[in-house]
Amino acid sequence: MSPMSSSVSARSASEVNAEIRDLWQRSGGFLTPQDEAEYQRLLVEWAAATGGSVRTAA
């Protein structure tokens, strides 16, 4: 099993959501490339925790 798969489901959706909100608040609404990478990772983790899939906006 890969390290990613065990860490993806380790936290609840609400915990991941809180981290996403914190990231946006710290960034002032403007993500650096490093922040964007973290945001994308968190979205995948959040989707896994909710049992859903990540969808992009139209």
C-alpha atoms as a PDB file:
ATOM      1  CA  MET A   1       0.000   0.000   0.000  1.00  0.00           C
ATOM      2  CA  SER A   2       1.346   3.440  -0.864  1.00  0.00           C
ATOM      3  CA  PRO A   3       1.902   6.095   1.839  1.00  0.00           C
ATOM      4  CA  MET A   4      -0.594   8.377   0.078  1.00  0.00           C
ATOM      5  CA  SER A   5      -3.494   5.931   0.373  1.00  0.00           C
ATOM      6  CA  SER A   6      -3.093   5.521   4.129  1.00  0.00           C
ATOM      7  CA  SER A   7      -2.772   9.258   4.762  1.00  0.00           C
ATOM      8  CA  VAL A   8      -5.687  10.181   2.500  1.00  0.00           C
ATOM      9  CA  SER A   9      -8.349   8.604   4.697  1.00  0.00           C
ATOM     10  CA  ALA A  10      -6.651   9.292   8.032  1.00  0.00           C
ATOM     11  CA  ARG A  11      -8.570  12.527   8.709  1.00  0.00           C
ATOM     12  CA  SER A  12     -12.233  13.434   8.561  1.00  0.00           C
ATOM     13  CA  ALA A  13     -13.629  15.694   5.860  1.00  0.00           C
ATOM     14  CA  SER A  14     -14.252  18.410   8.449  1.00  0.00           C
ATOM     15  CA  GLU A  15     -10.610  18.320   9.575  1.00  0.00           C
ATOM     16  CA  VAL A  16      -9.383  18.632   5.996  1.00  0.00           C
ATOM     17  CA  ASN A  17     -11.921  21.374   5.288  1.00  0.00           C
ATOM     18  CA  ALA A  18     -10.632  23.334   8.277  1.00  0.00           C
ATOM     19  CA  GLU A  19      -7.103  23.081   6.896  1.00  0.00           C
ATOM     20  CA  ILE A  20      -8.304  24.260   3.471  1.00  0.00           C
ATOM     21  CA  ARG A  21     -10.023  27.260   5.062  1.00  0.00           C
ATOM     22  CA  ASP A  22      -6.888  28.048   7.055  1.00  0.00           C
ATOM     23  CA  LEU A  23      -4.754  27.886   3.912  1.00  0.00           C
ATOM     24  CA  TRP A  24      -7.017  30.378   2.120  1.00  0.00           C
ATOM     25  CA  GLN A  25      -7.106  32.690   5.143  1.00  0.00           C
ATOM     26  CA  ARG A  26      -3.315  32.648   5.546  1.00  0.00           C
ATOM     27  CA  SER A  27      -2.810  33.306   1.848  1.00  0.00           C
ATOM     28  CA  GLY A  28      -5.171  36.261   1.731  1.00  0.00           C
ATOM     29  CA  GLY A  29      -6.957  34.641  -1.202  1.00  0.00           C
ATOM     30  CA  PHE A  30      -3.868  34.479  -3.435  1.00  0.00           C
ATOM     31  CA  LEU A  31      -2.159  31.102  -3.561  1.00  0.00           C
ATOM     32  CA  THR A  32       1.523  30.789  -4.374  1.00  0.00           C
ATOM     33  CA  PRO A  33       2.527  27.822  -6.547  1.00  0.00           C
ATOM     34  CA  GLN A  34       3.481  25.981  -3.353  1.00  0.00           C
ATOM     35  CA  ASP A  35       0.125  26.846  -1.761  1.00  0.00           C
ATOM     36  CA  GLU A  36      -1.678  25.722  -4.919  1.00  0.00           C
ATOM     37  CA  ALA A  37       0.046  22.341  -4.741  1.00  0.00           C
ATOM     38  CA  GLU A  38      -0.981  22.009  -1.088  1.00  0.00           C
ATOM     39  CA  TYR A  39      -4.541  23.048  -1.954  1.00  0.00           C
ATOM     40  CA  GLN A  40      -4.769  20.407  -4.689  1.00  0.00           C
ATOM     41  CA  ARG A  41      -3.471  17.738  -2.284  1.00  0.00           C
ATOM     42  CA  LEU A  42      -6.031  18.804   0.316  1.00  0.00           C
ATOM     43  CA  LEU A  43      -8.849  18.673  -2.238  1.00  0.00           C
ATOM     44  CA  VAL A  44      -7.969  15.079  -3.085  1.00  0.00           C
ATOM     45  CA  GLU A  45      -7.815  14.210   0.612  1.00  0.00           C
ATOM     46  CA  TRP A  46     -11.150  15.939   1.255  1.00  0.00           C
ATOM     47  CA  ALA A  47     -12.815  14.128  -1.661  1.00  0.00           C
ATOM     48  CA  ALA A  48     -11.535  10.790  -0.373  1.00  0.00           C
ATOM     49  CA  ALA A  49     -12.795  11.570   3.125  1.00  0.00           C
ATOM     50  CA  THR A  50     -16.265  12.435   1.806  1.00  0.00           C
ATOM     51  CA  GLY A  51     -16.350   9.441  -0.517  1.00  0.00           C
ATOM     52  CA  GLY A  52     -16.775  11.796  -3.476  1.00  0.00           C
ATOM     53  CA  SER A  53     -14.657  12.916  -6.346  1.00  0.00           C
ATOM     54  CA  VAL A  54     -13.026  16.236  -7.101  1.00  0.00           C
ATOM     55  CA  ARG A  55     -14.794  18.207  -9.829  1.00  0.00           C
ATOM     56  CA  THR A  56     -13.493  21.333 -11.486  1.00  0.00           C
ATOM     57  CA  ALA A  57     -15.636  24.410 -11.962  1.00  0.00           C
ATOM     58  CA  ALA A  58     -16.930  25.129 -15.434  1.00  0.00           C
END
